[in-house]
Amino acid sequence: MSCSGLFLGAQVSCTDPLVSAVEQRIFIANLKDFTYTSNVTETNQVDTITMATGKYFWEFEGIKQSISCQAEKVPQNFSSAYKHTVDFSVFDVSAQQRRNLEAMSYQPMAAIVYGPNDSSLGQAAFEIYGLNTGLDVASLIRINADNETGGAYRVQLASPDSGGIEPHLPFTFFDTDYATTLAAVLALKSA
């Protein structure tokens, strides 16, 4: 990143337009359970993620459009800041999952969200939300008779309102190509 201002333009590709889809699976881990290595050239890109012993990213599967994410600039007086938000549904309402959802409120988390294997996404198909300051449970709702979700839990993870705004847009995670990066993500998750 350059603090001197704008340094790059952008073109629209009519032959390879940008894909806006998100794969309906998300990987979430406690922020304290892993370390990462940033790319030396692309400062907003992660090359490797290393889990602490016995720790994992946990996979939550979605359907249709039950997983979505966004990053928005938050005006600050003396710095740049971004709010990361990840919304997803949990289609498991068991007692064990309820304990898990309650436990999510106690630790900041990070989430890996990714798009399809499409050349328009380049090295940015895999994004990591909450990498610097973490994501908190901002909302946890279940409406038993909700026809839209079938009674699933609707969870929103977001940058904390105080003391935790992210200094960057979501980082990308990339290793060699899409298939290699996907394999690296899958290797981080619980069995």
N, C-alpha and C. Protein backbone atom coordinates (compact mmCIF):
# COMPACT_ATOMS: atom_id res chain seq x y z
N MET A 1 0.84 -1.18 0.00
CA MET A 1 0.00 0.00 0.00
C MET A 1 0.88 1.24 0.00
N SER A 2 0.43 2.28 -0.67
CA SER A 2 1.14 3.54 -0.73
C SER A 2 0.35 4.60 0.02
N CYS A 3 0.99 5.27 0.96
CA CYS A 3 0.32 6.36 1.68
C CYS A 3 0.32 7.64 0.88
N SER A 4 0.96 7.64 -0.29
CA SER A 4 1.04 8.85 -1.10
C SER A 4 -0.21 9.05 -1.96
N GLY A 5 -1.13 8.11 -1.95
CA GLY A 5 -2.36 8.26 -2.71
C GLY A 5 -2.48 7.26 -3.83
N LEU A 6 -3.37 7.53 -4.74
CA LEU A 6 -3.70 6.65 -5.86
C LEU A 6 -2.45 6.27 -6.65
N PHE A 7 -2.34 4.98 -7.00
CA PHE A 7 -1.16 4.55 -7.77
C PHE A 7 -1.48 3.55 -8.86
N LEU A 8 -2.78 3.25 -9.11
CA LEU A 8 -3.12 2.24 -10.09
C LEU A 8 -4.54 2.48 -10.60
N GLY A 9 -4.75 2.28 -11.90
CA GLY A 9 -6.09 2.35 -12.48
C GLY A 9 -6.66 0.95 -12.63
N ALA A 10 -7.82 0.83 -13.27
CA ALA A 10 -8.45 -0.48 -13.45
C ALA A 10 -9.19 -0.50 -14.77
N GLN A 11 -9.20 -1.65 -15.41
CA GLN A 11 -9.88 -1.84 -16.68
C GLN A 11 -11.03 -2.83 -16.50
N VAL A 12 -12.01 -2.73 -17.35
CA VAL A 12 -13.11 -3.69 -17.38
C VAL A 12 -12.82 -4.67 -18.51
N SER A 13 -12.93 -5.95 -18.21
CA SER A 13 -12.72 -6.96 -19.23
C SER A 13 -14.08 -7.45 -19.74
N CYS A 14 -14.33 -7.21 -21.02
CA CYS A 14 -15.58 -7.69 -21.61
C CYS A 14 -15.49 -9.18 -21.95
N THR A 15 -14.27 -9.71 -22.10
CA THR A 15 -14.10 -11.12 -22.43
C THR A 15 -14.00 -12.00 -21.19
N ASP A 16 -13.66 -11.42 -20.04
CA ASP A 16 -13.54 -12.16 -18.79
C ASP A 16 -14.11 -11.31 -17.65
N PRO A 17 -15.45 -11.07 -17.64
CA PRO A 17 -16.04 -10.19 -16.63
C PRO A 17 -15.93 -10.77 -15.23
N LEU A 18 -15.88 -9.86 -14.27
CA LEU A 18 -15.75 -10.24 -12.87
C LEU A 18 -16.95 -11.07 -12.42
N VAL A 19 -16.69 -12.15 -11.68
CA VAL A 19 -17.74 -13.03 -11.16
C VAL A 19 -18.06 -12.59 -9.73
N SER A 20 -19.33 -12.44 -9.41
CA SER A 20 -19.72 -11.95 -8.09
C SER A 20 -20.17 -13.07 -7.15
N ALA A 21 -20.07 -14.29 -7.53
CA ALA A 21 -20.55 -15.42 -6.71
C ALA A 21 -19.61 -15.71 -5.53
N VAL A 22 -20.18 -16.32 -4.50
CA VAL A 22 -19.42 -16.80 -3.35
C VAL A 22 -19.72 -18.28 -3.19
N GLU A 23 -18.69 -19.09 -3.00
CA GLU A 23 -18.91 -20.51 -2.72
C GLU A 23 -19.66 -20.61 -1.39
N GLN A 24 -20.57 -21.52 -1.30
CA GLN A 24 -21.41 -21.62 -0.11
C GLN A 24 -20.78 -22.52 0.95
N ARG A 25 -19.58 -22.15 1.31
CA ARG A 25 -18.89 -22.76 2.45
C ARG A 25 -17.93 -21.71 2.98
N ILE A 26 -17.85 -21.63 4.29
CA ILE A 26 -17.02 -20.64 4.95
C ILE A 26 -16.18 -21.35 6.00
N PHE A 27 -14.98 -20.86 6.21
CA PHE A 27 -14.06 -21.46 7.18
C PHE A 27 -13.77 -20.41 8.24
N ILE A 28 -14.02 -20.76 9.51
CA ILE A 28 -13.89 -19.81 10.61
C ILE A 28 -12.97 -20.39 11.67
N ALA A 29 -12.08 -19.55 12.19
CA ALA A 29 -11.17 -19.97 13.27
C ALA A 29 -11.04 -18.84 14.28
N ASN A 30 -10.69 -19.21 15.50
CA ASN A 30 -10.34 -18.21 16.49
C ASN A 30 -9.06 -17.51 16.00
N LEU A 31 -9.02 -16.21 16.10
CA LEU A 31 -7.89 -15.44 15.61
C LEU A 31 -6.59 -15.85 16.28
N LYS A 32 -6.66 -16.23 17.54
CA LYS A 32 -5.45 -16.61 18.28
C LYS A 32 -4.91 -17.99 17.90
N ASP A 33 -5.66 -18.76 17.10
CA ASP A 33 -5.29 -20.14 16.81
C ASP A 33 -4.42 -20.32 15.57
N PHE A 34 -4.04 -19.22 14.90
CA PHE A 34 -3.21 -19.36 13.71
C PHE A 34 -2.31 -18.15 13.51
N THR A 35 -1.27 -18.36 12.73
CA THR A 35 -0.39 -17.27 12.29
C THR A 35 -0.36 -17.29 10.77
N TYR A 36 0.13 -16.22 10.18
CA TYR A 36 0.18 -16.16 8.72
C TYR A 36 1.42 -15.41 8.27
N THR A 37 1.76 -15.63 7.01
CA THR A 37 2.88 -14.94 6.38
C THR A 37 2.34 -14.12 5.22
N SER A 38 2.63 -12.82 5.24
CA SER A 38 2.21 -11.95 4.14
C SER A 38 3.18 -12.05 2.98
N ASN A 39 2.67 -11.80 1.80
CA ASN A 39 3.49 -11.76 0.59
C ASN A 39 4.39 -10.54 0.67
N VAL A 40 5.65 -10.68 0.26
CA VAL A 40 6.60 -9.57 0.37
C VAL A 40 6.32 -8.48 -0.67
N THR A 41 5.69 -8.81 -1.77
CA THR A 41 5.40 -7.83 -2.82
C THR A 41 3.99 -7.27 -2.70
N GLU A 42 3.01 -8.14 -2.56
CA GLU A 42 1.61 -7.74 -2.42
C GLU A 42 1.26 -7.73 -0.94
N THR A 43 1.25 -6.56 -0.33
CA THR A 43 1.09 -6.48 1.12
C THR A 43 -0.29 -6.91 1.61
N ASN A 44 -1.28 -6.96 0.76
CA ASN A 44 -2.61 -7.40 1.17
C ASN A 44 -2.88 -8.84 0.77
N GLN A 45 -1.81 -9.62 0.61
CA GLN A 45 -1.94 -11.03 0.24
C GLN A 45 -1.23 -11.90 1.24
N VAL A 46 -1.88 -12.97 1.67
CA VAL A 46 -1.31 -13.96 2.58
C VAL A 46 -0.83 -15.14 1.75
N ASP A 47 0.40 -15.58 2.01
CA ASP A 47 0.97 -16.73 1.30
C ASP A 47 0.76 -18.03 2.05
N THR A 48 0.87 -18.00 3.38
CA THR A 48 0.73 -19.23 4.18
C THR A 48 -0.04 -18.94 5.46
N ILE A 49 -0.76 -19.94 5.92
CA ILE A 49 -1.45 -19.90 7.20
C ILE A 49 -1.00 -21.14 7.97
N THR A 50 -0.59 -20.94 9.22
CA THR A 50 -0.12 -22.05 10.05
C THR A 50 -0.98 -22.12 11.30
N MET A 51 -1.58 -23.27 11.54
CA MET A 51 -2.43 -23.47 12.71
C MET A 51 -1.60 -23.85 13.93
N ALA A 52 -2.03 -23.39 15.09
CA ALA A 52 -1.44 -23.85 16.35
C ALA A 52 -1.77 -25.33 16.51
N THR A 53 -0.98 -26.03 17.27
CA THR A 53 -1.18 -27.46 17.47
C THR A 53 -2.58 -27.75 18.00
N GLY A 54 -3.27 -28.65 17.32
CA GLY A 54 -4.60 -29.06 17.75
C GLY A 54 -5.70 -28.06 17.46
N LYS A 55 -5.41 -27.02 16.70
CA LYS A 55 -6.41 -25.99 16.37
C LYS A 55 -6.76 -26.07 14.89
N TYR A 56 -7.96 -25.60 14.53
CA TYR A 56 -8.45 -25.74 13.17
C TYR A 56 -9.31 -24.56 12.75
N PHE A 57 -9.52 -24.44 11.45
CA PHE A 57 -10.62 -23.67 10.91
C PHE A 57 -11.80 -24.63 10.88
N TRP A 58 -12.99 -24.12 11.15
CA TRP A 58 -14.19 -24.94 11.16
C TRP A 58 -15.05 -24.56 9.97
N GLU A 59 -15.52 -25.54 9.25
CA GLU A 59 -16.29 -25.30 8.03
C GLU A 59 -17.78 -25.23 8.33
N PHE A 60 -18.42 -24.20 7.79
CA PHE A 60 -19.87 -24.06 7.84
C PHE A 60 -20.35 -24.06 6.40
N GLU A 61 -21.22 -25.01 6.07
CA GLU A 61 -21.75 -25.10 4.72
C GLU A 61 -23.03 -24.28 4.60
N GLY A 62 -23.21 -23.71 3.43
CA GLY A 62 -24.42 -22.95 3.15
C GLY A 62 -25.11 -23.49 1.91
N ILE A 63 -26.24 -22.90 1.59
CA ILE A 63 -26.96 -23.24 0.36
C ILE A 63 -27.44 -21.94 -0.29
N LYS A 64 -27.56 -21.98 -1.60
CA LYS A 64 -28.02 -20.84 -2.39
C LYS A 64 -27.19 -19.60 -2.04
N GLN A 65 -27.78 -18.61 -1.40
CA GLN A 65 -27.07 -17.38 -1.05
C GLN A 65 -27.04 -17.17 0.46
N SER A 66 -26.82 -18.23 1.22
CA SER A 66 -26.85 -18.10 2.68
C SER A 66 -25.56 -17.55 3.25
N ILE A 67 -24.52 -17.43 2.44
CA ILE A 67 -23.26 -16.84 2.88
C ILE A 67 -22.99 -15.59 2.05
N SER A 68 -22.72 -14.50 2.73
CA SER A 68 -22.34 -13.27 2.04
C SER A 68 -21.35 -12.50 2.91
N CYS A 69 -20.62 -11.61 2.28
CA CYS A 69 -19.62 -10.84 3.01
C CYS A 69 -19.46 -9.47 2.38
N GLN A 70 -18.92 -8.55 3.17
CA GLN A 70 -18.67 -7.22 2.64
C GLN A 70 -17.60 -6.52 3.47
N ALA A 71 -16.98 -5.54 2.85
CA ALA A 71 -16.03 -4.67 3.54
C ALA A 71 -16.40 -3.24 3.17
N GLU A 72 -16.44 -2.38 4.17
CA GLU A 72 -16.80 -1.00 3.90
C GLU A 72 -15.84 -0.06 4.60
N LYS A 73 -15.52 1.03 3.92
CA LYS A 73 -14.63 2.04 4.50
C LYS A 73 -15.38 2.77 5.61
N VAL A 74 -14.70 2.96 6.74
CA VAL A 74 -15.27 3.68 7.87
C VAL A 74 -14.45 4.96 8.04
N PRO A 75 -15.07 6.12 7.87
CA PRO A 75 -14.32 7.37 7.99
C PRO A 75 -13.67 7.52 9.36
N GLN A 76 -12.41 7.88 9.36
CA GLN A 76 -11.66 8.12 10.59
C GLN A 76 -10.98 9.49 10.47
N ASN A 77 -10.74 10.13 11.59
CA ASN A 77 -10.09 11.44 11.55
C ASN A 77 -8.63 11.36 11.14
N PHE A 78 -7.91 10.35 11.60
CA PHE A 78 -6.47 10.33 11.40
C PHE A 78 -5.93 9.06 10.77
N SER A 79 -6.80 8.19 10.29
CA SER A 79 -6.33 6.95 9.68
C SER A 79 -7.40 6.39 8.74
N SER A 80 -7.05 5.32 8.07
CA SER A 80 -8.02 4.59 7.25
C SER A 80 -8.48 3.36 8.02
N ALA A 81 -9.74 3.03 7.89
CA ALA A 81 -10.25 1.86 8.59
C ALA A 81 -11.38 1.24 7.77
N TYR A 82 -11.57 -0.07 7.98
CA TYR A 82 -12.57 -0.82 7.23
C TYR A 82 -13.33 -1.73 8.17
N LYS A 83 -14.62 -1.83 7.96
CA LYS A 83 -15.44 -2.76 8.73
C LYS A 83 -15.68 -3.99 7.85
N HIS A 84 -15.31 -5.15 8.37
CA HIS A 84 -15.54 -6.42 7.68
C HIS A 84 -16.80 -7.05 8.27
N THR A 85 -17.62 -7.59 7.40
CA THR A 85 -18.86 -8.25 7.84
C THR A 85 -19.04 -9.55 7.07
N VAL A 86 -19.36 -10.62 7.79
CA VAL A 86 -19.64 -11.92 7.18
C VAL A 86 -20.97 -12.41 7.75
N ASP A 87 -21.91 -12.71 6.85
CA ASP A 87 -23.21 -13.24 7.23
C ASP A 87 -23.33 -14.68 6.74
N PHE A 88 -23.82 -15.56 7.59
CA PHE A 88 -24.02 -16.95 7.18
C PHE A 88 -25.11 -17.60 8.02
N SER A 89 -25.67 -18.66 7.50
CA SER A 89 -26.68 -19.43 8.21
C SER A 89 -26.07 -20.73 8.70
N VAL A 90 -26.53 -21.17 9.86
CA VAL A 90 -26.09 -22.45 10.43
C VAL A 90 -27.31 -23.36 10.43
N PHE A 91 -27.25 -24.42 9.64
CA PHE A 91 -28.39 -25.31 9.44
C PHE A 91 -28.34 -26.51 10.38
N ASP A 92 -27.77 -26.32 11.55
CA ASP A 92 -27.68 -27.34 12.59
C ASP A 92 -28.16 -26.68 13.87
N VAL A 93 -29.24 -27.18 14.45
CA VAL A 93 -29.81 -26.56 15.65
C VAL A 93 -29.67 -27.47 16.87
N SER A 94 -28.71 -28.40 16.81
CA SER A 94 -28.50 -29.35 17.91
C SER A 94 -27.98 -28.63 19.16
N ALA A 95 -28.06 -29.31 20.29
CA ALA A 95 -27.56 -28.75 21.55
C ALA A 95 -26.07 -28.44 21.47
N GLN A 96 -25.31 -29.33 20.85
CA GLN A 96 -23.87 -29.11 20.71
C GLN A 96 -23.58 -27.86 19.87
N GLN A 97 -24.33 -27.68 18.78
CA GLN A 97 -24.12 -26.50 17.94
C GLN A 97 -24.53 -25.23 18.68
N ARG A 98 -25.55 -25.30 19.51
CA ARG A 98 -25.94 -24.13 20.30
C ARG A 98 -24.81 -23.72 21.25
N ARG A 99 -24.17 -24.70 21.88
CA ARG A 99 -23.02 -24.39 22.75
C ARG A 99 -21.89 -23.78 21.93
N ASN A 100 -21.68 -24.31 20.73
CA ASN A 100 -20.63 -23.79 19.84
C ASN A 100 -20.91 -22.33 19.47
N LEU A 101 -22.16 -22.03 19.10
CA LEU A 101 -22.53 -20.67 18.72
C LEU A 101 -22.39 -19.71 19.90
N GLU A 102 -22.75 -20.16 21.08
CA GLU A 102 -22.56 -19.32 22.27
C GLU A 102 -21.08 -19.07 22.53
N ALA A 103 -20.25 -20.09 22.34
CA ALA A 103 -18.81 -19.97 22.58
C ALA A 103 -18.15 -19.01 21.60
N MET A 104 -18.73 -18.83 20.41
CA MET A 104 -18.16 -17.91 19.43
C MET A 104 -18.10 -16.47 19.95
N SER A 105 -18.93 -16.16 20.92
CA SER A 105 -18.99 -14.79 21.44
C SER A 105 -17.79 -14.42 22.31
N TYR A 106 -16.94 -15.37 22.64
CA TYR A 106 -15.86 -15.10 23.59
C TYR A 106 -14.49 -14.83 22.98
N GLN A 107 -14.31 -15.10 21.71
CA GLN A 107 -13.01 -14.91 21.08
C GLN A 107 -13.18 -14.23 19.73
N PRO A 108 -12.28 -13.31 19.38
CA PRO A 108 -12.32 -12.77 18.02
C PRO A 108 -11.95 -13.86 17.02
N MET A 109 -12.57 -13.80 15.85
CA MET A 109 -12.39 -14.84 14.84
C MET A 109 -11.97 -14.23 13.51
N ALA A 110 -11.53 -15.09 12.61
CA ALA A 110 -11.27 -14.73 11.22
C ALA A 110 -12.02 -15.72 10.35
N ALA A 111 -12.39 -15.29 9.15
CA ALA A 111 -13.16 -16.14 8.25
C ALA A 111 -12.54 -16.12 6.85
N ILE A 112 -12.46 -17.29 6.25
CA ILE A 112 -12.03 -17.40 4.86
C ILE A 112 -13.27 -17.65 4.02
N VAL A 113 -13.51 -16.75 3.07
CA VAL A 113 -14.63 -16.83 2.15
C VAL A 113 -14.03 -16.82 0.75
N TYR A 114 -14.62 -17.57 -0.17
CA TYR A 114 -14.02 -17.57 -1.50
C TYR A 114 -15.04 -17.73 -2.60
N GLY A 115 -14.61 -17.29 -3.77
CA GLY A 115 -15.44 -17.37 -4.97
C GLY A 115 -15.09 -18.60 -5.78
N PRO A 116 -15.76 -18.77 -6.90
CA PRO A 116 -15.53 -19.94 -7.76
C PRO A 116 -14.18 -19.85 -8.47
N ASN A 117 -13.79 -20.96 -9.06
CA ASN A 117 -12.55 -21.00 -9.84
C ASN A 117 -12.81 -20.31 -11.16
N ASP A 118 -12.63 -19.01 -11.18
CA ASP A 118 -12.89 -18.20 -12.36
C ASP A 118 -11.71 -17.27 -12.59
N SER A 119 -11.21 -17.20 -13.81
CA SER A 119 -10.02 -16.42 -14.10
C SER A 119 -10.20 -14.94 -13.81
N SER A 120 -11.44 -14.43 -13.81
CA SER A 120 -11.66 -13.01 -13.55
C SER A 120 -11.25 -12.62 -12.13
N LEU A 121 -11.23 -13.59 -11.22
CA LEU A 121 -10.87 -13.30 -9.82
C LEU A 121 -9.36 -13.30 -9.61
N GLY A 122 -8.62 -13.85 -10.54
CA GLY A 122 -7.16 -13.86 -10.43
C GLY A 122 -6.70 -14.45 -9.11
N GLN A 123 -5.83 -13.72 -8.42
CA GLN A 123 -5.31 -14.17 -7.12
C GLN A 123 -6.20 -13.74 -5.97
N ALA A 124 -7.40 -13.24 -6.25
CA ALA A 124 -8.27 -12.72 -5.20
C ALA A 124 -9.51 -13.57 -4.98
N ALA A 125 -9.51 -14.81 -5.38
CA ALA A 125 -10.69 -15.66 -5.17
C ALA A 125 -10.92 -15.95 -3.69
N PHE A 126 -9.86 -16.08 -2.92
CA PHE A 126 -9.94 -16.41 -1.49
C PHE A 126 -9.68 -15.15 -0.68
N GLU A 127 -10.64 -14.76 0.16
CA GLU A 127 -10.48 -13.57 0.99
C GLU A 127 -10.56 -13.95 2.46
N ILE A 128 -9.77 -13.24 3.28
CA ILE A 128 -9.77 -13.48 4.73
C ILE A 128 -10.31 -12.22 5.41
N TYR A 129 -11.41 -12.38 6.11
CA TYR A 129 -12.05 -11.28 6.82
C TYR A 129 -11.64 -11.34 8.30
N GLY A 130 -11.33 -10.17 8.87
CA GLY A 130 -10.98 -10.09 10.29
C GLY A 130 -9.57 -10.49 10.60
N LEU A 131 -8.68 -10.46 9.66
CA LEU A 131 -7.33 -10.99 9.84
C LEU A 131 -6.51 -10.21 10.87
N ASN A 132 -6.72 -8.92 11.00
CA ASN A 132 -5.90 -8.13 11.92
C ASN A 132 -6.50 -7.98 13.31
N THR A 133 -7.74 -7.60 13.39
CA THR A 133 -8.35 -7.36 14.71
C THR A 133 -9.45 -8.35 15.06
N GLY A 134 -9.85 -9.16 14.11
CA GLY A 134 -10.84 -10.19 14.39
C GLY A 134 -12.27 -9.74 14.15
N LEU A 135 -13.13 -10.73 14.12
CA LEU A 135 -14.57 -10.52 13.95
C LEU A 135 -15.27 -10.98 15.23
N ASP A 136 -16.26 -10.22 15.64
CA ASP A 136 -17.08 -10.58 16.79
C ASP A 136 -18.46 -11.01 16.31
N VAL A 137 -19.18 -11.74 17.13
CA VAL A 137 -20.57 -12.06 16.82
C VAL A 137 -21.37 -10.77 17.02
N ALA A 138 -21.82 -10.20 15.93
CA ALA A 138 -22.61 -8.96 15.98
C ALA A 138 -24.09 -9.26 16.09
N SER A 139 -24.49 -10.42 15.56
CA SER A 139 -25.90 -10.79 15.58
C SER A 139 -26.01 -12.31 15.50
N LEU A 140 -26.93 -12.86 16.27
CA LEU A 140 -27.22 -14.29 16.26
C LEU A 140 -28.72 -14.45 16.46
N ILE A 141 -29.41 -14.86 15.41
CA ILE A 141 -30.87 -14.90 15.42
C ILE A 141 -31.35 -16.25 14.90
N ARG A 142 -32.39 -16.77 15.54
CA ARG A 142 -33.08 -17.94 14.99
C ARG A 142 -34.57 -17.71 15.14
N ILE A 143 -35.26 -17.78 14.03
CA ILE A 143 -36.72 -17.71 14.02
C ILE A 143 -37.20 -19.08 13.56
N ASN A 144 -37.77 -19.85 14.47
CA ASN A 144 -38.13 -21.24 14.19
C ASN A 144 -38.99 -21.40 12.94
N ALA A 145 -39.91 -20.49 12.71
CA ALA A 145 -40.84 -20.63 11.59
C ALA A 145 -40.43 -19.78 10.39
N ASP A 146 -39.17 -19.45 10.29
CA ASP A 146 -38.69 -18.63 9.17
C ASP A 146 -38.62 -19.47 7.91
N ASN A 147 -39.48 -19.17 6.96
CA ASN A 147 -39.51 -19.93 5.71
C ASN A 147 -38.25 -19.75 4.88
N GLU A 148 -37.63 -18.58 4.96
CA GLU A 148 -36.44 -18.31 4.15
C GLU A 148 -35.26 -19.19 4.55
N THR A 149 -35.04 -19.36 5.86
CA THR A 149 -33.88 -20.15 6.31
C THR A 149 -34.26 -21.55 6.76
N GLY A 150 -35.54 -21.86 6.82
CA GLY A 150 -35.97 -23.16 7.33
C GLY A 150 -35.74 -23.30 8.82
N GLY A 151 -35.63 -22.19 9.53
CA GLY A 151 -35.42 -22.24 10.97
C GLY A 151 -33.95 -22.31 11.36
N ALA A 152 -33.06 -21.98 10.43
CA ALA A 152 -31.61 -22.01 10.73
C ALA A 152 -31.23 -20.80 11.58
N TYR A 153 -30.06 -20.90 12.22
CA TYR A 153 -29.48 -19.74 12.89
C TYR A 153 -28.90 -18.82 11.83
N ARG A 154 -29.12 -17.54 11.98
CA ARG A 154 -28.53 -16.53 11.09
C ARG A 154 -27.49 -15.80 11.92
N VAL A 155 -26.22 -15.88 11.49
CA VAL A 155 -25.10 -15.32 12.25
C VAL A 155 -24.46 -14.20 11.44
N GLN A 156 -24.15 -13.11 12.12
CA GLN A 156 -23.35 -12.06 11.50
C GLN A 156 -22.11 -11.85 12.34
N LEU A 157 -20.96 -12.02 11.70
CA LEU A 157 -19.67 -11.68 12.30
C LEU A 157 -19.25 -10.34 11.73
N ALA A 158 -18.72 -9.45 12.58
CA ALA A 158 -18.33 -8.13 12.10
C ALA A 158 -17.18 -7.58 12.93
N SER A 159 -16.45 -6.66 12.32
CA SER A 159 -15.41 -5.94 13.05
C SER A 159 -16.08 -5.26 14.24
N PRO A 160 -15.43 -5.29 15.41
CA PRO A 160 -16.04 -4.67 16.59
C PRO A 160 -16.26 -3.17 16.39
N ASP A 161 -17.29 -2.64 17.01
CA ASP A 161 -17.57 -1.21 16.89
C ASP A 161 -16.54 -0.35 17.59
N SER A 162 -15.90 -0.89 18.61
CA SER A 162 -14.88 -0.09 19.32
C SER A 162 -13.61 -0.91 19.47
N GLY A 163 -12.51 -0.29 19.17
CA GLY A 163 -11.20 -0.90 19.38
C GLY A 163 -10.84 -2.02 18.44
N GLY A 164 -11.49 -2.12 17.29
CA GLY A 164 -11.18 -3.26 16.46
C GLY A 164 -11.40 -3.10 14.97
N ILE A 165 -11.51 -1.88 14.50
CA ILE A 165 -11.71 -1.68 13.07
C ILE A 165 -10.46 -2.15 12.32
N GLU A 166 -10.66 -2.85 11.22
CA GLU A 166 -9.54 -3.37 10.43
C GLU A 166 -8.81 -2.24 9.69
N PRO A 167 -7.48 -2.31 9.64
CA PRO A 167 -6.72 -1.27 8.94
C PRO A 167 -6.67 -1.46 7.42
N HIS A 168 -7.16 -2.60 6.92
CA HIS A 168 -7.10 -2.91 5.50
C HIS A 168 -8.40 -3.55 5.02
N LEU A 169 -8.60 -3.54 3.71
CA LEU A 169 -9.63 -4.37 3.11
C LEU A 169 -9.28 -5.83 3.38
N PRO A 170 -10.19 -6.78 3.19
CA PRO A 170 -9.84 -8.18 3.43
C PRO A 170 -8.61 -8.60 2.62
N PHE A 171 -7.73 -9.33 3.27
CA PHE A 171 -6.55 -9.85 2.59
C PHE A 171 -6.98 -10.99 1.66
N THR A 172 -6.20 -11.22 0.63
CA THR A 172 -6.42 -12.39 -0.21
C THR A 172 -5.46 -13.48 0.25
N PHE A 173 -5.85 -14.72 0.04
CA PHE A 173 -5.00 -15.87 0.33
C PHE A 173 -4.74 -16.55 -0.99
N PHE A 174 -3.46 -16.70 -1.34
CA PHE A 174 -3.13 -17.28 -2.64
C PHE A 174 -1.82 -18.04 -2.56
N ASP A 175 -1.83 -19.24 -3.14
CA ASP A 175 -0.62 -20.06 -3.23
C ASP A 175 -0.61 -20.75 -4.60
N THR A 176 0.17 -20.26 -5.52
CA THR A 176 0.42 -20.83 -6.85
C THR A 176 -0.76 -20.71 -7.81
N ASP A 177 -1.90 -21.33 -7.49
CA ASP A 177 -3.08 -21.28 -8.34
C ASP A 177 -4.31 -21.60 -7.49
N TYR A 178 -5.48 -21.60 -8.11
CA TYR A 178 -6.72 -21.83 -7.38
C TYR A 178 -6.73 -23.20 -6.69
N ALA A 179 -6.39 -24.25 -7.42
CA ALA A 179 -6.44 -25.61 -6.87
C ALA A 179 -5.50 -25.76 -5.68
N THR A 180 -4.30 -25.20 -5.77
CA THR A 180 -3.32 -25.28 -4.68
C THR A 180 -3.82 -24.51 -3.46
N THR A 181 -4.41 -23.34 -3.71
CA THR A 181 -4.93 -22.53 -2.60
C THR A 181 -6.10 -23.24 -1.93
N LEU A 182 -7.01 -23.81 -2.72
CA LEU A 182 -8.13 -24.55 -2.15
C LEU A 182 -7.63 -25.72 -1.30
N ALA A 183 -6.64 -26.44 -1.78
CA ALA A 183 -6.06 -27.54 -1.01
C ALA A 183 -5.47 -27.04 0.31
N ALA A 184 -4.83 -25.87 0.27
CA ALA A 184 -4.25 -25.29 1.49
C ALA A 184 -5.34 -24.91 2.49
N VAL A 185 -6.46 -24.37 1.99
CA VAL A 185 -7.58 -24.03 2.87
C VAL A 185 -8.18 -25.28 3.48
N LEU A 186 -8.42 -26.29 2.66
CA LEU A 186 -8.99 -27.54 3.16
C LEU A 186 -8.09 -28.22 4.19
N ALA A 187 -6.77 -28.03 4.05
CA ALA A 187 -5.83 -28.62 5.01
C ALA A 187 -5.90 -27.94 6.38
N LEU A 188 -6.48 -26.74 6.45
CA LEU A 188 -6.58 -25.99 7.71
C LEU A 188 -7.77 -26.42 8.55
N LYS A 189 -8.74 -27.10 7.92
CA LYS A 189 -9.99 -27.36 8.62
C LYS A 189 -9.96 -28.65 9.43
N SER A 190 -10.92 -28.73 10.34
CA SER A 190 -11.04 -29.93 11.17
C SER A 190 -11.42 -31.11 10.30
N ALA A 191 -11.10 -32.29 10.79
CA ALA A 191 -11.37 -33.52 10.03
C ALA A 191 -12.84 -33.79 9.88
